[in-house]
Amino acid sequence: MTISPVDFASLLCSRLCHDLLSPVGALNNGLELLADEHDPEMRQRCLELLAESAKASANKLKFFRLAFGAAGGFGETIDTREARAAIEGLFAANQRLELGWLIEDPTLPKGGIKVLLNLALLAGDALIRGGKLDIGAEYHDGLVEIVVRAEGPRIILDAELRQALLGETGDSVVTPRAAAAYLVHALVTEGDGSVQVSDAGEPVLLFGAAFRA
């Protein structure tokens, strides 16, 4: 299935708005509570909640700017430390998720960073009860190779996301929820590569991608 650039941009914007709705809504609710609250202890708690929501909103914006947008300037590569910070910020509030960073290259091509971030997003979301998220990547001779591994007590990857990753959507409508998966497929296909996903029901979720970038 081919999606027009305008429709695809709409999908990404919808996904971004959906993910920001919760922390921004919490900011609004916190401000309303603060306006009506006069107890010093409760006002302090409201301020703490506001700070948490503001940080979560900023972290999500930083991540999606790098994963979906044109962050990184006009160069062809992005510092991998920036990608790591974006992933750590995105999952900072999830105390049940442990991140393993297995990337030694100081930089990766922009396309490689976007694929890496979006695969990390999908894998992290699949760990609905927490677990371990390992991220690895190498770049040599123009070829980017990425592996993302998720292991936890319960892993759920919806069939819609699996199909979008593998380019098996057919005539189905791609929803905003699958925008990240479709972006991975589009970038890898553009680089004459392929995406691999472990079989459903396996105790460990594995994503692999190899493509020219």
C-alpha atoms as a PDB file:
ATOM      1  CA  MET A   1       0.000   0.000   0.000  1.00  0.00           C
ATOM      2  CA  THR A   2       1.287   3.459  -0.942  1.00  0.00           C
ATOM      3  CA  ILE A   3       0.355   6.491   1.160  1.00  0.00           C
ATOM      4  CA  SER A   4       0.586  10.028  -0.189  1.00  0.00           C
ATOM      5  CA  PRO A   5       3.090  12.337   1.547  1.00  0.00           C
ATOM      6  CA  VAL A   6       0.231  14.533   2.799  1.00  0.00           C
ATOM      7  CA  ASP A   7      -1.683  11.595   4.279  1.00  0.00           C
ATOM      8  CA  PHE A   8       1.475  10.228   5.864  1.00  0.00           C
ATOM      9  CA  ALA A   9       2.293  13.613   7.427  1.00  0.00           C
ATOM     10  CA  SER A  10      -1.251  13.631   8.823  1.00  0.00           C
ATOM     11  CA  LEU A  11      -0.710  10.184  10.353  1.00  0.00           C
ATOM     12  CA  LEU A  12       2.491  11.296  12.068  1.00  0.00           C
ATOM     13  CA  CYS A  13       0.842  14.470  13.375  1.00  0.00           C
ATOM     14  CA  SER A  14      -2.088  12.461  14.716  1.00  0.00           C
ATOM     15  CA  ARG A  15       0.268  10.086  16.501  1.00  0.00           C
ATOM     16  CA  LEU A  16       2.176  12.991  18.021  1.00  0.00           C
ATOM     17  CA  CYS A  17      -1.019  14.709  19.204  1.00  0.00           C
ATOM     18  CA  HIS A  18      -2.307  11.452  20.717  1.00  0.00           C
ATOM     19  CA  ASP A  19       0.875  10.912  22.725  1.00  0.00           C
ATOM     20  CA  LEU A  20       0.988  14.514  23.942  1.00  0.00           C
ATOM     21  CA  LEU A  21      -2.684  14.654  24.934  1.00  0.00           C
ATOM     22  CA  SER A  22      -2.154  12.944  28.288  1.00  0.00           C
ATOM     23  CA  PRO A  23       0.748  15.027  29.708  1.00  0.00           C
ATOM     24  CA  VAL A  24      -0.623  18.303  28.315  1.00  0.00           C
ATOM     25  CA  GLY A  25      -4.065  17.460  29.698  1.00  0.00           C
ATOM     26  CA  ALA A  26      -2.472  16.786  33.073  1.00  0.00           C
ATOM     27  CA  LEU A  27      -0.847  20.229  32.919  1.00  0.00           C
ATOM     28  CA  ASN A  28      -4.218  21.843  32.307  1.00  0.00           C
ATOM     29  CA  ASN A  29      -5.872  19.893  35.133  1.00  0.00           C
ATOM     30  CA  GLY A  30      -3.017  20.743  37.490  1.00  0.00           C
ATOM     31  CA  LEU A  31      -3.325  24.440  36.763  1.00  0.00           C
ATOM     32  CA  GLU A  32      -7.060  24.313  37.463  1.00  0.00           C
ATOM     33  CA  LEU A  33      -6.471  22.537  40.771  1.00  0.00           C
ATOM     34  CA  LEU A  34      -3.736  24.988  41.721  1.00  0.00           C
ATOM     35  CA  ALA A  35      -6.049  27.936  41.112  1.00  0.00           C
ATOM     36  CA  ASP A  36      -8.657  26.545  43.533  1.00  0.00           C
ATOM     37  CA  GLU A  37      -6.313  25.063  46.149  1.00  0.00           C
ATOM     38  CA  HIS A  38      -5.213  27.047  49.213  1.00  0.00           C
ATOM     39  CA  ASP A  39      -3.664  24.353  51.396  1.00  0.00           C
ATOM     40  CA  PRO A  40       0.157  24.759  51.214  1.00  0.00           C
ATOM     41  CA  GLU A  41       0.850  21.025  51.113  1.00  0.00           C
ATOM     42  CA  MET A  42      -1.685  20.412  48.355  1.00  0.00           C
ATOM     43  CA  ARG A  43      -0.367  23.362  46.370  1.00  0.00           C
ATOM     44  CA  GLN A  44       3.136  21.904  46.630  1.00  0.00           C
ATOM     45  CA  ARG A  45       1.842  18.559  45.388  1.00  0.00           C
ATOM     46  CA  CYS A  46       0.104  20.287  42.481  1.00  0.00           C
ATOM     47  CA  LEU A  47       3.368  22.006  41.574  1.00  0.00           C
ATOM     48  CA  GLU A  48       5.188  18.662  41.645  1.00  0.00           C
ATOM     49  CA  LEU A  49       2.593  17.126  39.337  1.00  0.00           C
ATOM     50  CA  LEU A  50       2.866  20.098  37.005  1.00  0.00           C
ATOM     51  CA  ALA A  51       6.646  19.709  36.887  1.00  0.00           C
ATOM     52  CA  GLU A  52       6.320  15.985  36.094  1.00  0.00           C
ATOM     53  CA  SER A  53       3.800  16.632  33.314  1.00  0.00           C
ATOM     54  CA  ALA A  54       5.906  19.421  31.829  1.00  0.00           C
ATOM     55  CA  LYS A  55       8.985  17.181  31.805  1.00  0.00           C
ATOM     56  CA  ALA A  56       7.058  14.321  30.188  1.00  0.00           C
ATOM     57  CA  SER A  57       5.732  16.675  27.502  1.00  0.00           C
ATOM     58  CA  ALA A  58       9.210  18.042  26.779  1.00  0.00           C
ATOM     59  CA  ASN A  59      10.708  14.538  26.606  1.00  0.00           C
ATOM     60  CA  LYS A  60       8.054  13.355  24.161  1.00  0.00           C
ATOM     61  CA  LEU A  61       8.534  16.428  21.970  1.00  0.00           C
ATOM     62  CA  LYS A  62      12.311  15.911  21.885  1.00  0.00           C
ATOM     63  CA  PHE A  63      11.859  12.262  20.946  1.00  0.00           C
ATOM     64  CA  PHE A  64       9.301  12.833  18.193  1.00  0.00           C
ATOM     65  CA  ARG A  65      11.256  15.769  16.797  1.00  0.00           C
ATOM     66  CA  LEU A  66      14.150  13.374  16.216  1.00  0.00           C
ATOM     67  CA  ALA A  67      12.071  10.320  15.273  1.00  0.00           C
ATOM     68  CA  PHE A  68       9.535  12.019  12.989  1.00  0.00           C
ATOM     69  CA  GLY A  69      10.902  15.472  12.199  1.00  0.00           C
ATOM     70  CA  ALA A  70      13.947  17.122  10.676  1.00  0.00           C
ATOM     71  CA  ALA A  71      16.026  17.398  13.850  1.00  0.00           C
ATOM     72  CA  GLY A  72      19.796  17.167  13.665  1.00  0.00           C
ATOM     73  CA  GLY A  73      20.516  20.144  11.431  1.00  0.00           C
ATOM     74  CA  PHE A  74      21.591  19.949   7.809  1.00  0.00           C
ATOM     75  CA  GLY A  75      24.235  17.254   8.225  1.00  0.00           C
ATOM     76  CA  GLU A  76      23.806  13.702   6.996  1.00  0.00           C
ATOM     77  CA  THR A  77      24.510  12.088  10.368  1.00  0.00           C
ATOM     78  CA  ILE A  78      23.293  12.473  13.965  1.00  0.00           C
ATOM     79  CA  ASP A  79      25.178  11.910  17.202  1.00  0.00           C
ATOM     80  CA  THR A  80      24.058   8.591  18.685  1.00  0.00           C
ATOM     81  CA  ARG A  81      24.231  10.137  22.164  1.00  0.00           C
ATOM     82  CA  GLU A  82      21.346  12.381  21.125  1.00  0.00           C
ATOM     83  CA  ALA A  83      19.310   9.327  20.128  1.00  0.00           C
ATOM     84  CA  ARG A  84      20.082   7.606  23.413  1.00  0.00           C
ATOM     85  CA  ALA A  85      19.038  10.685  25.402  1.00  0.00           C
ATOM     86  CA  ALA A  86      15.778  10.844  23.444  1.00  0.00           C
ATOM     87  CA  ILE A  87      14.944   7.208  24.202  1.00  0.00           C
ATOM     88  CA  GLU A  88      15.895   7.524  27.861  1.00  0.00           C
ATOM     89  CA  GLY A  89      13.726  10.621  28.155  1.00  0.00           C
ATOM     90  CA  LEU A  90      10.757   8.968  26.464  1.00  0.00           C
ATOM     91  CA  PHE A  91      10.755   6.042  28.897  1.00  0.00           C
ATOM     92  CA  ALA A  92      12.031   7.946  31.939  1.00  0.00           C
ATOM     93  CA  ALA A  93       8.707   7.657  33.782  1.00  0.00           C
ATOM     94  CA  ASN A  94       8.551   3.872  33.282  1.00  0.00           C
ATOM     95  CA  GLN A  95      10.361   2.525  36.339  1.00  0.00           C
ATOM     96  CA  ARG A  96       9.817  -1.055  35.159  1.00  0.00           C
ATOM     97  CA  LEU A  97      11.783  -0.696  31.939  1.00  0.00           C
ATOM     98  CA  GLU A  98      15.554  -1.225  31.741  1.00  0.00           C
ATOM     99  CA  LEU A  99      17.438   0.120  28.729  1.00  0.00           C
ATOM    100  CA  GLY A 100      20.507  -1.591  27.288  1.00  0.00           C
ATOM    101  CA  TRP A 101      22.556   0.519  24.854  1.00  0.00           C
ATOM    102  CA  LEU A 102      24.798  -1.530  22.563  1.00  0.00           C
ATOM    103  CA  ILE A 103      25.909   1.109  20.052  1.00  0.00           C
ATOM    104  CA  GLU A 104      29.561   2.141  19.754  1.00  0.00           C
ATOM    105  CA  ASP A 105      29.383   4.268  16.592  1.00  0.00           C
ATOM    106  CA  PRO A 106      29.519   7.967  17.547  1.00  0.00           C
ATOM    107  CA  THR A 107      27.170   8.904  14.698  1.00  0.00           C
ATOM    108  CA  LEU A 108      24.643   7.243  12.399  1.00  0.00           C
ATOM    109  CA  PRO A 109      22.927   8.463   9.223  1.00  0.00           C
ATOM    110  CA  LYS A 110      19.682  10.352   9.831  1.00  0.00           C
ATOM    111  CA  GLY A 111      17.629   7.564   8.286  1.00  0.00           C
ATOM    112  CA  GLY A 112      19.285   5.035  10.579  1.00  0.00           C
ATOM    113  CA  ILE A 113      18.530   7.156  13.641  1.00  0.00           C
ATOM    114  CA  LYS A 114      14.866   7.456  12.653  1.00  0.00           C
ATOM    115  CA  VAL A 115      14.512   3.704  12.139  1.00  0.00           C
ATOM    116  CA  LEU A 116      16.301   3.007  15.423  1.00  0.00           C
ATOM    117  CA  LEU A 117      14.103   5.431  17.391  1.00  0.00           C
ATOM    118  CA  ASN A 118      10.849   4.185  15.926  1.00  0.00           C
ATOM    119  CA  LEU A 119      11.747   0.533  16.483  1.00  0.00           C
ATOM    120  CA  ALA A 120      12.653   1.398  20.086  1.00  0.00           C
ATOM    121  CA  LEU A 121       9.271   3.147  20.455  1.00  0.00           C
ATOM    122  CA  LEU A 122       7.385   0.107  19.164  1.00  0.00           C
ATOM    123  CA  ALA A 123       9.364  -2.340  21.291  1.00  0.00           C
ATOM    124  CA  GLY A 124       9.021  -0.237  24.429  1.00  0.00           C
ATOM    125  CA  ASP A 125       5.265   0.081  23.943  1.00  0.00           C
ATOM    126  CA  ALA A 126       5.043  -3.698  23.486  1.00  0.00           C
ATOM    127  CA  LEU A 127       6.514  -4.229  26.987  1.00  0.00           C
ATOM    128  CA  ILE A 128       3.221  -3.454  28.693  1.00  0.00           C
ATOM    129  CA  ARG A 129       4.463  -4.725  32.075  1.00  0.00           C
ATOM    130  CA  GLY A 130       8.006  -3.506  31.721  1.00  0.00           C
ATOM    131  CA  GLY A 131      11.149  -5.494  31.059  1.00  0.00           C
ATOM    132  CA  LYS A 132      14.459  -5.117  29.248  1.00  0.00           C
ATOM    133  CA  LEU A 133      14.912  -3.152  26.041  1.00  0.00           C
ATOM    134  CA  ASP A 134      18.249  -3.666  24.247  1.00  0.00           C
ATOM    135  CA  ILE A 135      19.207  -1.502  21.270  1.00  0.00           C
ATOM    136  CA  GLY A 136      22.113  -2.208  18.952  1.00  0.00           C
ATOM    137  CA  ALA A 137      23.296  -0.746  15.652  1.00  0.00           C
ATOM    138  CA  GLU A 138      26.312  -0.689  13.342  1.00  0.00           C
ATOM    139  CA  TYR A 139      27.196   1.360  10.295  1.00  0.00           C
ATOM    140  CA  HIS A 140      29.783   0.191   7.785  1.00  0.00           C
ATOM    141  CA  ASP A 141      30.285   0.542   4.026  1.00  0.00           C
ATOM    142  CA  GLY A 142      27.083   2.552   3.707  1.00  0.00           C
ATOM    143  CA  LEU A 143      24.971  -0.173   5.335  1.00  0.00           C
ATOM    144  CA  VAL A 144      23.034   0.388   8.562  1.00  0.00           C
ATOM    145  CA  GLU A 145      22.198  -2.687  10.651  1.00  0.00           C
ATOM    146  CA  ILE A 146      19.848  -2.307  13.610  1.00  0.00           C
ATOM    147  CA  VAL A 147      18.641  -4.820  16.176  1.00  0.00           C
ATOM    148  CA  VAL A 148      16.108  -4.066  18.917  1.00  0.00           C
ATOM    149  CA  ARG A 149      15.311  -6.736  21.499  1.00  0.00           C
ATOM    150  CA  ALA A 150      12.468  -6.595  24.038  1.00  0.00           C
ATOM    151  CA  GLU A 151      12.047  -9.103  26.849  1.00  0.00           C
ATOM    152  CA  GLY A 152       9.508  -8.951  29.660  1.00  0.00           C
ATOM    153  CA  PRO A 153       6.700 -10.738  31.512  1.00  0.00           C
ATOM    154  CA  ARG A 154       4.163  -9.770  28.851  1.00  0.00           C
ATOM    155  CA  ILE A 155       4.778  -8.624  25.297  1.00  0.00           C
ATOM    156  CA  ILE A 156       2.049  -7.477  22.928  1.00  0.00           C
ATOM    157  CA  LEU A 157       2.681  -6.341  19.353  1.00  0.00           C
ATOM    158  CA  ASP A 158      -0.598  -5.769  17.520  1.00  0.00           C
ATOM    159  CA  ALA A 159      -1.028  -7.410  14.138  1.00  0.00           C
ATOM    160  CA  GLU A 160      -1.560  -3.954  12.596  1.00  0.00           C
ATOM    161  CA  LEU A 161       1.919  -2.847  13.678  1.00  0.00           C
ATOM    162  CA  ARG A 162       3.510  -6.100  12.518  1.00  0.00           C
ATOM    163  CA  GLN A 163       1.891  -5.771   9.084  1.00  0.00           C
ATOM    164  CA  ALA A 164       2.965  -2.139   8.736  1.00  0.00           C
ATOM    165  CA  LEU A 165       6.568  -3.009   9.637  1.00  0.00           C
ATOM    166  CA  LEU A 166       6.670  -5.786   7.068  1.00  0.00           C
ATOM    167  CA  GLY A 167       4.765  -3.865   4.385  1.00  0.00           C
ATOM    168  CA  GLU A 168       1.886  -6.322   4.458  1.00  0.00           C
ATOM    169  CA  THR A 169      -0.933  -3.809   4.929  1.00  0.00           C
ATOM    170  CA  GLY A 170      -2.343  -4.486   1.458  1.00  0.00           C
ATOM    171  CA  ASP A 171      -5.426  -2.328   0.916  1.00  0.00           C
ATOM    172  CA  SER A 172      -5.902  -1.782   4.661  1.00  0.00           C
ATOM    173  CA  VAL A 173      -5.992   1.763   5.966  1.00  0.00           C
ATOM    174  CA  VAL A 174      -2.905   2.650   7.998  1.00  0.00           C
ATOM    175  CA  THR A 175      -3.981   4.282  11.251  1.00  0.00           C
ATOM    176  CA  PRO A 176      -2.042   6.912  13.263  1.00  0.00           C
ATOM    177  CA  ARG A 177      -1.159   4.174  15.757  1.00  0.00           C
ATOM    178  CA  ALA A 178       0.804   2.374  13.027  1.00  0.00           C
ATOM    179  CA  ALA A 179       2.510   5.519  11.725  1.00  0.00           C
ATOM    180  CA  ALA A 180       5.845   4.721  13.398  1.00  0.00           C
ATOM    181  CA  ALA A 181       5.830   1.183  11.994  1.00  0.00           C
ATOM    182  CA  TYR A 182       4.987   2.395   8.498  1.00  0.00           C
ATOM    183  CA  LEU A 183       7.763   4.997   8.686  1.00  0.00           C
ATOM    184  CA  VAL A 184      10.269   2.252   9.505  1.00  0.00           C
ATOM    185  CA  HIS A 185       9.084   0.192   6.544  1.00  0.00           C
ATOM    186  CA  ALA A 186       9.208   3.205   4.194  1.00  0.00           C
ATOM    187  CA  LEU A 187      12.729   4.256   5.200  1.00  0.00           C
ATOM    188  CA  VAL A 188      14.127   0.727   5.002  1.00  0.00           C
ATOM    189  CA  THR A 189      12.453   0.064   1.645  1.00  0.00           C
ATOM    190  CA  GLU A 190      13.839   3.348   0.324  1.00  0.00           C
ATOM    191  CA  GLY A 191      17.291   2.040   1.262  1.00  0.00           C
ATOM    192  CA  ASP A 192      16.776  -1.266  -0.576  1.00  0.00           C
ATOM    193  CA  GLY A 193      16.664  -3.128   2.717  1.00  0.00           C
ATOM    194  CA  SER A 194      14.337  -5.296   4.736  1.00  0.00           C
ATOM    195  CA  VAL A 195      12.759  -5.475   8.175  1.00  0.00           C
ATOM    196  CA  GLN A 196      12.580  -8.649  10.249  1.00  0.00           C
ATOM    197  CA  VAL A 197      10.165  -9.275  13.114  1.00  0.00           C
ATOM    198  CA  SER A 198      10.170 -12.327  15.395  1.00  0.00           C
ATOM    199  CA  ASP A 199       7.139 -14.616  15.237  1.00  0.00           C
ATOM    200  CA  ALA A 200       4.091 -13.833  17.334  1.00  0.00           C
ATOM    201  CA  GLY A 201       4.001 -15.722  20.611  1.00  0.00           C
ATOM    202  CA  GLU A 202       7.776 -15.862  21.048  1.00  0.00           C
ATOM    203  CA  PRO A 203       9.010 -15.046  24.591  1.00  0.00           C
ATOM    204  CA  VAL A 204      11.316 -12.347  23.183  1.00  0.00           C
ATOM    205  CA  LEU A 205      10.404  -9.673  20.634  1.00  0.00           C
ATOM    206  CA  LEU A 206      13.111  -9.012  18.073  1.00  0.00           C
ATOM    207  CA  PHE A 207      13.232  -6.317  15.399  1.00  0.00           C
ATOM    208  CA  GLY A 208      15.947  -6.255  12.768  1.00  0.00           C
ATOM    209  CA  ALA A 209      16.615  -3.853   9.912  1.00  0.00           C
ATOM    210  CA  ALA A 210      19.404  -3.647   7.356  1.00  0.00           C
ATOM    211  CA  PHE A 211      19.447  -0.989   4.624  1.00  0.00           C
ATOM    212  CA  ARG A 212      21.509   1.591   2.765  1.00  0.00           C
ATOM    213  CA  ALA A 213      21.415   5.060   4.316  1.00  0.00           C
END
